[in-house]
Structure formats: structure tokens, C-alpha cells
Amino acid sequence: MIVDKPKQNGIVIDLTGPQGNAYFLIGTAKKLWRQLGFSNEDIDSNVERMTKGDYDNLVNYFDSEFGDYVTLYR
């Protein structure tokens, strides 16, 4: 039987694949902040906060900022 894959709303990122790379997450965050109208100074400030700790801190900060728009899978 062939079953259609369920449609997923929003952005989905698999953290175990290449999209789970810290640089990819930072780039995605910058793009989303720009789309939300953040200034370059605000984006830089958020990136600094995002990168102050380890990878888990980065993922948690990303999720706190974009959890309503992005689904992260581990």
C-alpha cells in the first residue's frame, strides 16, 4: 500500500543530519531574524548570546527564539 507522507507545517530541522551543524543553525537564525525585522545590531547581539556556551546552549537558544516556527528533531 502506498501512503502519502503527512504534510509538515513550518520549518523542520533534523539535528542529527547536516542541518544540525551549528553554522547552519546560526545562518537560519540570522535569516529568520531578518525576516522578522530585527536590526543588524539586534541580530549580532542574539548571535553572541546564542554562541556563548556549548552546542546545547545554541540549540536551546534557537528553540527558545524560534520554537513556534521551527521543529527540531534529535
N, C-alpha and C. Protein backbone atom coordinates (compact mmCIF):
# COMPACT_ATOMS: atom_id res chain seq x y z
N MET A 1 0.84 -1.16 0.00
CA MET A 1 0.00 0.00 0.00
C MET A 1 0.89 1.24 0.00
N ILE A 2 0.55 2.22 -0.77
CA ILE A 2 1.26 3.49 -0.82
C ILE A 2 0.49 4.50 0.03
N VAL A 3 1.21 5.09 0.97
CA VAL A 3 0.60 6.05 1.88
C VAL A 3 1.31 7.38 1.70
N ASP A 4 0.54 8.45 1.60
CA ASP A 4 1.13 9.78 1.49
C ASP A 4 1.81 10.16 2.79
N LYS A 5 2.95 10.80 2.64
CA LYS A 5 3.68 11.32 3.79
C LYS A 5 2.89 12.50 4.35
N PRO A 6 2.71 12.54 5.68
CA PRO A 6 1.96 13.67 6.25
C PRO A 6 2.69 14.98 6.00
N LYS A 7 1.92 16.01 5.69
CA LYS A 7 2.50 17.33 5.47
C LYS A 7 2.91 17.93 6.79
N GLN A 8 4.06 18.59 6.77
CA GLN A 8 4.56 19.24 7.98
C GLN A 8 4.51 20.74 7.78
N ASN A 9 3.98 21.41 8.76
CA ASN A 9 3.90 22.87 8.70
C ASN A 9 5.17 23.48 9.26
N GLY A 10 5.60 24.56 8.69
CA GLY A 10 6.77 25.26 9.19
C GLY A 10 8.06 24.61 8.74
N ILE A 11 9.14 25.00 9.40
CA ILE A 11 10.47 24.52 9.07
C ILE A 11 10.79 23.34 9.99
N VAL A 12 11.36 22.28 9.42
CA VAL A 12 11.77 21.12 10.20
C VAL A 12 13.27 20.93 10.04
N ILE A 13 13.99 20.81 11.16
CA ILE A 13 15.44 20.62 11.14
C ILE A 13 15.78 19.36 11.91
N ASP A 14 16.49 18.44 11.25
CA ASP A 14 16.97 17.22 11.88
C ASP A 14 18.38 17.51 12.41
N LEU A 15 18.51 17.57 13.73
CA LEU A 15 19.78 17.92 14.34
C LEU A 15 20.84 16.84 14.17
N THR A 16 20.44 15.62 13.79
CA THR A 16 21.41 14.55 13.60
C THR A 16 22.02 14.56 12.21
N GLY A 17 21.47 15.37 11.31
CA GLY A 17 21.98 15.46 9.95
C GLY A 17 22.79 16.72 9.74
N PRO A 18 23.09 17.02 8.48
CA PRO A 18 23.90 18.20 8.18
C PRO A 18 23.25 19.52 8.61
N GLN A 19 21.93 19.54 8.73
CA GLN A 19 21.26 20.76 9.17
C GLN A 19 21.43 21.00 10.67
N GLY A 20 21.93 20.00 11.39
CA GLY A 20 22.16 20.16 12.81
C GLY A 20 23.48 20.83 13.13
N ASN A 21 24.24 21.15 12.09
CA ASN A 21 25.50 21.84 12.23
C ASN A 21 25.27 23.23 12.85
N ALA A 22 26.14 23.63 13.79
CA ALA A 22 25.98 24.92 14.47
C ALA A 22 25.95 26.08 13.48
N TYR A 23 26.78 26.02 12.45
CA TYR A 23 26.82 27.11 11.47
C TYR A 23 25.51 27.20 10.69
N PHE A 24 24.91 26.06 10.39
CA PHE A 24 23.61 26.06 9.71
C PHE A 24 22.55 26.69 10.59
N LEU A 25 22.54 26.33 11.87
CA LEU A 25 21.55 26.88 12.79
C LEU A 25 21.72 28.39 12.96
N ILE A 26 22.96 28.85 13.05
CA ILE A 26 23.21 30.28 13.18
C ILE A 26 22.75 31.01 11.92
N GLY A 27 23.07 30.46 10.76
CA GLY A 27 22.64 31.06 9.49
C GLY A 27 21.13 31.11 9.37
N THR A 28 20.47 30.04 9.78
CA THR A 28 19.00 30.00 9.74
C THR A 28 18.42 31.03 10.70
N ALA A 29 19.01 31.14 11.88
CA ALA A 29 18.54 32.12 12.87
C ALA A 29 18.68 33.54 12.32
N LYS A 30 19.82 33.84 11.71
CA LYS A 30 20.02 35.18 11.14
C LYS A 30 18.97 35.48 10.07
N LYS A 31 18.71 34.50 9.22
CA LYS A 31 17.71 34.70 8.16
C LYS A 31 16.33 34.94 8.75
N LEU A 32 15.97 34.16 9.76
CA LEU A 32 14.66 34.34 10.38
C LEU A 32 14.55 35.68 11.10
N TRP A 33 15.60 36.07 11.81
CA TRP A 33 15.56 37.38 12.49
C TRP A 33 15.41 38.51 11.48
N ARG A 34 16.10 38.40 10.34
CA ARG A 34 15.94 39.43 9.29
C ARG A 34 14.50 39.48 8.80
N GLN A 35 13.91 38.30 8.58
CA GLN A 35 12.51 38.24 8.12
C GLN A 35 11.56 38.82 9.15
N LEU A 36 11.93 38.72 10.43
CA LEU A 36 11.10 39.27 11.49
C LEU A 36 11.35 40.75 11.74
N GLY A 37 12.29 41.33 10.97
CA GLY A 37 12.51 42.77 11.05
C GLY A 37 13.53 43.21 12.09
N PHE A 38 14.36 42.32 12.58
CA PHE A 38 15.38 42.70 13.55
C PHE A 38 16.47 43.52 12.86
N SER A 39 17.05 44.45 13.60
CA SER A 39 18.16 45.24 13.07
C SER A 39 19.43 44.40 13.09
N ASN A 40 20.46 44.85 12.35
CA ASN A 40 21.73 44.13 12.34
C ASN A 40 22.35 44.07 13.73
N GLU A 41 22.20 45.14 14.50
CA GLU A 41 22.74 45.16 15.86
C GLU A 41 22.04 44.13 16.74
N ASP A 42 20.71 44.03 16.62
CA ASP A 42 19.96 43.05 17.40
C ASP A 42 20.33 41.63 17.00
N ILE A 43 20.52 41.42 15.71
CA ILE A 43 20.90 40.09 15.22
C ILE A 43 22.27 39.72 15.78
N ASP A 44 23.22 40.65 15.70
CA ASP A 44 24.57 40.38 16.22
C ASP A 44 24.53 40.07 17.72
N SER A 45 23.72 40.82 18.45
CA SER A 45 23.59 40.60 19.89
C SER A 45 23.01 39.22 20.18
N ASN A 46 22.01 38.81 19.43
CA ASN A 46 21.40 37.49 19.62
C ASN A 46 22.37 36.38 19.25
N VAL A 47 23.13 36.56 18.17
CA VAL A 47 24.11 35.55 17.77
C VAL A 47 25.17 35.41 18.87
N GLU A 48 25.57 36.53 19.46
CA GLU A 48 26.56 36.48 20.54
C GLU A 48 26.02 35.67 21.72
N ARG A 49 24.76 35.91 22.09
CA ARG A 49 24.15 35.15 23.19
C ARG A 49 24.02 33.68 22.82
N MET A 50 23.70 33.43 21.56
CA MET A 50 23.50 32.06 21.08
C MET A 50 24.79 31.25 21.12
N THR A 51 25.92 31.91 20.91
CA THR A 51 27.19 31.21 20.80
C THR A 51 28.05 31.31 22.07
N LYS A 52 27.52 31.83 23.15
CA LYS A 52 28.31 31.98 24.38
C LYS A 52 28.62 30.66 25.05
N GLY A 53 27.80 29.67 24.87
CA GLY A 53 28.01 28.40 25.57
C GLY A 53 28.35 27.28 24.60
N ASP A 54 27.95 26.09 24.99
CA ASP A 54 28.21 24.92 24.16
C ASP A 54 27.09 24.72 23.14
N TYR A 55 27.16 23.59 22.43
CA TYR A 55 26.17 23.29 21.38
C TYR A 55 24.76 23.22 21.95
N ASP A 56 24.61 22.61 23.13
CA ASP A 56 23.28 22.51 23.74
C ASP A 56 22.70 23.89 24.02
N ASN A 57 23.53 24.82 24.47
CA ASN A 57 23.08 26.19 24.68
C ASN A 57 22.60 26.80 23.37
N LEU A 58 23.35 26.58 22.30
CA LEU A 58 22.98 27.11 21.00
C LEU A 58 21.62 26.57 20.56
N VAL A 59 21.43 25.26 20.69
CA VAL A 59 20.16 24.63 20.29
C VAL A 59 19.02 25.13 21.17
N ASN A 60 19.24 25.23 22.47
CA ASN A 60 18.19 25.70 23.37
C ASN A 60 17.82 27.16 23.09
N TYR A 61 18.81 27.99 22.81
CA TYR A 61 18.52 29.40 22.49
C TYR A 61 17.75 29.49 21.18
N PHE A 62 18.18 28.70 20.18
CA PHE A 62 17.47 28.68 18.89
C PHE A 62 16.01 28.27 19.12
N ASP A 63 15.82 27.24 19.91
CA ASP A 63 14.46 26.75 20.18
C ASP A 63 13.64 27.79 20.94
N SER A 64 14.25 28.49 21.88
CA SER A 64 13.50 29.50 22.63
C SER A 64 13.08 30.66 21.73
N GLU A 65 13.90 30.98 20.74
CA GLU A 65 13.58 32.08 19.83
C GLU A 65 12.60 31.68 18.73
N PHE A 66 12.74 30.45 18.21
CA PHE A 66 12.00 30.06 17.01
C PHE A 66 11.16 28.81 17.18
N GLY A 67 10.95 28.37 18.41
CA GLY A 67 10.18 27.15 18.66
C GLY A 67 8.78 27.16 18.08
N ASP A 68 8.21 28.35 17.90
CA ASP A 68 6.86 28.45 17.32
C ASP A 68 6.87 28.25 15.80
N TYR A 69 8.04 28.43 15.18
CA TYR A 69 8.14 28.38 13.72
C TYR A 69 8.93 27.17 13.21
N VAL A 70 9.82 26.65 14.07
CA VAL A 70 10.75 25.60 13.64
C VAL A 70 10.63 24.40 14.56
N THR A 71 10.56 23.20 13.97
CA THR A 71 10.56 21.96 14.73
C THR A 71 11.95 21.36 14.63
N LEU A 72 12.55 21.08 15.78
CA LEU A 72 13.88 20.47 15.83
C LEU A 72 13.73 19.01 16.25
N TYR A 73 14.41 18.11 15.52
CA TYR A 73 14.44 16.69 15.86
C TYR A 73 15.84 16.29 16.27
N ARG A 74 15.96 15.51 17.33
CA ARG A 74 17.26 14.97 17.77
C ARG A 74 17.34 13.53 17.38
